[in-house]
């Protein structure tokens, strides 16, 4: 019975690896592009919106602050919900908030969008890592 359970576990892990890992890889790629994108956008924001280096730097740090602060609660919610629901929530909220970036008019708008983006993306990496390591639910 033990070897049968091990074979089922091995097949399930292979199935997950073939179906889930390409999606996760693609989402991580998008996340990296999104993070670098704000650096490229800074070139235009500084001239068109009149942002100084300190405004830009503070906005970027707000993202990191909320990303770290909401990472642990997000991991707890992944355990209560399912990874599928949580990843879906992250992707939808992340996309909507990224769209809001196009409508930034002032430094306060920039700060708010970066705060919200940090909250939206907060548990993307830790949630997936803990889910895949524990194999729960």
C-alpha atoms as a PDB file:
ATOM      1  CA  UNK A   1       0.000   0.000   0.000  1.00  0.00           C
ATOM      2  CA  UNK A   2       2.879   2.311   0.733  1.00  0.00           C
ATOM      3  CA  UNK A   3       4.348   1.998  -2.756  1.00  0.00           C
ATOM      4  CA  UNK A   4       0.918   2.637  -4.323  1.00  0.00           C
ATOM      5  CA  UNK A   5       0.593   5.848  -2.331  1.00  0.00           C
ATOM      6  CA  UNK A   6       4.105   6.829  -3.357  1.00  0.00           C
ATOM      7  CA  UNK A   7       3.257   6.255  -7.025  1.00  0.00           C
ATOM      8  CA  UNK A   8       0.109   8.359  -6.737  1.00  0.00           C
ATOM      9  CA  UNK A   9       2.118  11.082  -5.059  1.00  0.00           C
ATOM     10  CA  UNK A  10       4.764  10.940  -7.775  1.00  0.00           C
ATOM     11  CA  UNK A  11       2.140  11.145 -10.546  1.00  0.00           C
ATOM     12  CA  UNK A  12       0.443  14.068  -8.820  1.00  0.00           C
ATOM     13  CA  UNK A  13       3.714  15.949  -8.496  1.00  0.00           C
ATOM     14  CA  UNK A  14       4.535  15.340 -12.164  1.00  0.00           C
ATOM     15  CA  UNK A  15       1.085  16.534 -13.136  1.00  0.00           C
ATOM     16  CA  UNK A  16       1.505  19.673 -11.050  1.00  0.00           C
ATOM     17  CA  UNK A  17       4.962  20.275 -12.485  1.00  0.00           C
ATOM     18  CA  UNK A  18       3.707  19.985 -16.060  1.00  0.00           C
ATOM     19  CA  UNK A  19       0.591  22.104 -15.540  1.00  0.00           C
ATOM     20  CA  UNK A  20       1.416  24.608 -12.813  1.00  0.00           C
ATOM     21  CA  UNK A  21       5.099  25.391 -13.190  1.00  0.00           C
ATOM     22  CA  UNK A  22       4.884  26.872 -16.726  1.00  0.00           C
ATOM     23  CA  UNK A  23       2.112  29.204 -15.519  1.00  0.00           C
ATOM     24  CA  UNK A  24       4.077  30.210 -12.425  1.00  0.00           C
ATOM     25  CA  UNK A  25       7.192  30.792 -14.527  1.00  0.00           C
ATOM     26  CA  UNK A  26       5.215  33.020 -16.911  1.00  0.00           C
ATOM     27  CA  UNK A  27       3.717  35.005 -14.013  1.00  0.00           C
ATOM     28  CA  UNK A  28       7.144  35.483 -12.425  1.00  0.00           C
ATOM     29  CA  UNK A  29       8.443  36.719 -15.750  1.00  0.00           C
ATOM     30  CA  UNK A  30       5.608  39.248 -15.903  1.00  0.00           C
ATOM     31  CA  UNK A  31       6.295  40.282 -12.324  1.00  0.00           C
ATOM     32  CA  UNK A  32       9.951  40.954 -13.115  1.00  0.00           C
ATOM     33  CA  UNK A  33       9.014  42.938 -16.222  1.00  0.00           C
ATOM     34  CA  UNK A  34       6.517  44.923 -14.139  1.00  0.00           C
ATOM     35  CA  UNK A  35       9.158  45.747 -11.540  1.00  0.00           C
ATOM     36  CA  UNK A  36      11.655  46.884 -14.153  1.00  0.00           C
ATOM     37  CA  UNK A  37       8.947  48.787 -15.988  1.00  0.00           C
ATOM     38  CA  UNK A  38       8.625  51.364 -13.217  1.00  0.00           C
ATOM     39  CA  UNK A  39      12.313  52.163 -13.699  1.00  0.00           C
ATOM     40  CA  UNK A  40      11.769  52.839 -17.382  1.00  0.00           C
ATOM     41  CA  UNK A  41       8.615  54.812 -16.622  1.00  0.00           C
ATOM     42  CA  UNK A  42      10.589  57.005 -14.212  1.00  0.00           C
ATOM     43  CA  UNK A  43      12.360  58.599 -17.147  1.00  0.00           C
ATOM     44  CA  UNK A  44       9.047  59.925 -18.477  1.00  0.00           C
ATOM     45  CA  UNK A  45       7.387  60.536 -15.111  1.00  0.00           C
ATOM     46  CA  UNK A  46      10.151  62.832 -13.982  1.00  0.00           C
ATOM     47  CA  UNK A  47       9.813  65.078 -17.010  1.00  0.00           C
ATOM     48  CA  UNK A  48       6.064  64.881 -17.690  1.00  0.00           C
ATOM     49  CA  UNK A  49       4.734  64.827 -14.134  1.00  0.00           C
ATOM     50  CA  UNK A  50       7.543  66.784 -12.521  1.00  0.00           C
ATOM     51  CA  UNK A  51       8.583  64.035 -10.109  1.00  0.00           C
ATOM     52  CA  UNK A  52      11.881  64.450  -8.341  1.00  0.00           C
ATOM     53  CA  UNK A  53      14.219  61.610  -7.535  1.00  0.00           C
ATOM     54  CA  UNK A  54      12.957  61.574  -3.957  1.00  0.00           C
ATOM     55  CA  UNK A  55       9.296  61.278  -5.053  1.00  0.00           C
ATOM     56  CA  UNK A  56      10.173  58.355  -7.304  1.00  0.00           C
ATOM     57  CA  UNK A  57      12.367  56.680  -4.685  1.00  0.00           C
ATOM     58  CA  UNK A  58       9.731  57.031  -1.976  1.00  0.00           C
ATOM     59  CA  UNK A  59       7.066  55.566  -4.270  1.00  0.00           C
ATOM     60  CA  UNK A  60       9.228  52.581  -5.101  1.00  0.00           C
ATOM     61  CA  UNK A  61      10.002  52.020  -1.426  1.00  0.00           C
ATOM     62  CA  UNK A  62       6.280  52.093  -0.573  1.00  0.00           C
ATOM     63  CA  UNK A  63       5.795  49.104  -2.856  1.00  0.00           C
ATOM     64  CA  UNK A  64       8.525  47.184  -1.043  1.00  0.00           C
ATOM     65  CA  UNK A  65       7.135  48.150   2.345  1.00  0.00           C
ATOM     66  CA  UNK A  66       3.639  46.837   1.653  1.00  0.00           C
ATOM     67  CA  UNK A  67       5.003  43.831  -0.231  1.00  0.00           C
ATOM     68  CA  UNK A  68       6.871  42.769   2.904  1.00  0.00           C
ATOM     69  CA  UNK A  69       4.136  43.745   5.362  1.00  0.00           C
ATOM     70  CA  UNK A  70       1.370  41.799   3.632  1.00  0.00           C
ATOM     71  CA  UNK A  71       3.449  38.766   2.646  1.00  0.00           C
ATOM     72  CA  UNK A  72       2.859  36.742   5.827  1.00  0.00           C
ATOM     73  CA  UNK A  73      -0.906  37.400   6.040  1.00  0.00           C
ATOM     74  CA  UNK A  74      -1.124  36.390   2.389  1.00  0.00           C
ATOM     75  CA  UNK A  75       0.594  33.094   3.112  1.00  0.00           C
ATOM     76  CA  UNK A  76      -1.896  32.428   5.892  1.00  0.00           C
ATOM     77  CA  UNK A  77      -4.762  33.126   3.497  1.00  0.00           C
ATOM     78  CA  UNK A  78      -3.260  30.765   0.907  1.00  0.00           C
ATOM     79  CA  UNK A  79      -3.482  28.018   3.505  1.00  0.00           C
ATOM     80  CA  UNK A  80      -7.139  28.835   4.227  1.00  0.00           C
ATOM     81  CA  UNK A  81      -8.211  29.267   0.604  1.00  0.00           C
ATOM     82  CA  UNK A  82      -6.629  27.407  -2.228  1.00  0.00           C
ATOM     83  CA  UNK A  83      -3.578  28.343  -4.276  1.00  0.00           C
ATOM     84  CA  UNK A  84      -5.757  28.518  -7.398  1.00  0.00           C
ATOM     85  CA  UNK A  85      -8.080  31.123  -5.886  1.00  0.00           C
ATOM     86  CA  UNK A  86      -5.214  33.083  -4.371  1.00  0.00           C
ATOM     87  CA  UNK A  87      -3.161  33.197  -7.573  1.00  0.00           C
ATOM     88  CA  UNK A  88      -6.275  34.277  -9.451  1.00  0.00           C
ATOM     89  CA  UNK A  89      -6.889  37.055  -6.934  1.00  0.00           C
ATOM     90  CA  UNK A  90      -3.292  38.197  -7.205  1.00  0.00           C
ATOM     91  CA  UNK A  91      -3.287  38.242 -11.006  1.00  0.00           C
ATOM     92  CA  UNK A  92      -6.616  40.090 -11.328  1.00  0.00           C
ATOM     93  CA  UNK A  93      -5.852  42.716  -8.676  1.00  0.00           C
ATOM     94  CA  UNK A  94      -2.303  43.094  -9.948  1.00  0.00           C
ATOM     95  CA  UNK A  95      -3.557  43.695 -13.487  1.00  0.00           C
ATOM     96  CA  UNK A  96      -6.210  46.203 -12.424  1.00  0.00           C
ATOM     97  CA  UNK A  97      -3.822  48.174 -10.240  1.00  0.00           C
ATOM     98  CA  UNK A  98      -1.173  48.148 -12.962  1.00  0.00           C
ATOM     99  CA  UNK A  99      -3.773  49.664 -15.279  1.00  0.00           C
ATOM    100  CA  UNK A 100      -4.303  52.435 -12.730  1.00  0.00           C
ATOM    101  CA  UNK A 101      -0.668  53.380 -13.224  1.00  0.00           C
ATOM    102  CA  UNK A 102      -1.612  54.881 -16.585  1.00  0.00           C
ATOM    103  CA  UNK A 103      -3.841  57.436 -14.862  1.00  0.00           C
ATOM    104  CA  UNK A 104      -1.308  58.824 -12.377  1.00  0.00           C
ATOM    105  CA  UNK A 105      -1.444  62.623 -12.251  1.00  0.00           C
ATOM    106  CA  UNK A 106       0.390  63.494  -9.051  1.00  0.00           C
ATOM    107  CA  UNK A 107       2.857  62.174  -6.520  1.00  0.00           C
ATOM    108  CA  UNK A 108       0.015  61.136  -4.201  1.00  0.00           C
ATOM    109  CA  UNK A 109      -1.535  59.068  -6.989  1.00  0.00           C
ATOM    110  CA  UNK A 110       1.837  57.431  -7.561  1.00  0.00           C
ATOM    111  CA  UNK A 111       2.192  56.651  -3.869  1.00  0.00           C
ATOM    112  CA  UNK A 112      -1.325  55.181  -3.659  1.00  0.00           C
ATOM    113  CA  UNK A 113      -0.846  52.984  -6.726  1.00  0.00           C
ATOM    114  CA  UNK A 114       2.511  51.705  -5.482  1.00  0.00           C
ATOM    115  CA  UNK A 115       1.015  50.922  -2.054  1.00  0.00           C
ATOM    116  CA  UNK A 116      -1.877  49.046  -3.637  1.00  0.00           C
ATOM    117  CA  UNK A 117       0.430  47.201  -6.013  1.00  0.00           C
ATOM    118  CA  UNK A 118       2.554  46.033  -3.098  1.00  0.00           C
ATOM    119  CA  UNK A 119      -0.546  44.745  -1.313  1.00  0.00           C
ATOM    120  CA  UNK A 120      -1.806  43.024  -4.472  1.00  0.00           C
ATOM    121  CA  UNK A 121       1.484  41.240  -5.199  1.00  0.00           C
ATOM    122  CA  UNK A 122       2.415  40.650  -1.565  1.00  0.00           C
ATOM    123  CA  UNK A 123       2.119  36.913  -1.223  1.00  0.00           C
ATOM    124  CA  UNK A 124       2.807  35.833  -4.783  1.00  0.00           C
ATOM    125  CA  UNK A 125       6.235  34.365  -4.101  1.00  0.00           C
ATOM    126  CA  UNK A 126       5.895  33.190  -0.476  1.00  0.00           C
ATOM    127  CA  UNK A 127       2.437  31.728  -1.021  1.00  0.00           C
ATOM    128  CA  UNK A 128       3.495  29.601  -3.935  1.00  0.00           C
ATOM    129  CA  UNK A 129       6.699  28.517  -2.249  1.00  0.00           C
ATOM    130  CA  UNK A 130       4.976  27.417   0.943  1.00  0.00           C
ATOM    131  CA  UNK A 131       2.125  25.756  -0.958  1.00  0.00           C
ATOM    132  CA  UNK A 132       4.484  23.747  -3.114  1.00  0.00           C
ATOM    133  CA  UNK A 133       6.738  22.776  -0.214  1.00  0.00           C
ATOM    134  CA  UNK A 134       3.992  21.637   2.126  1.00  0.00           C
ATOM    135  CA  UNK A 135       1.765  20.128  -0.557  1.00  0.00           C
ATOM    136  CA  UNK A 136      -1.256  21.073   1.496  1.00  0.00           C
ATOM    137  CA  UNK A 137      -4.788  21.291   0.182  1.00  0.00           C
END
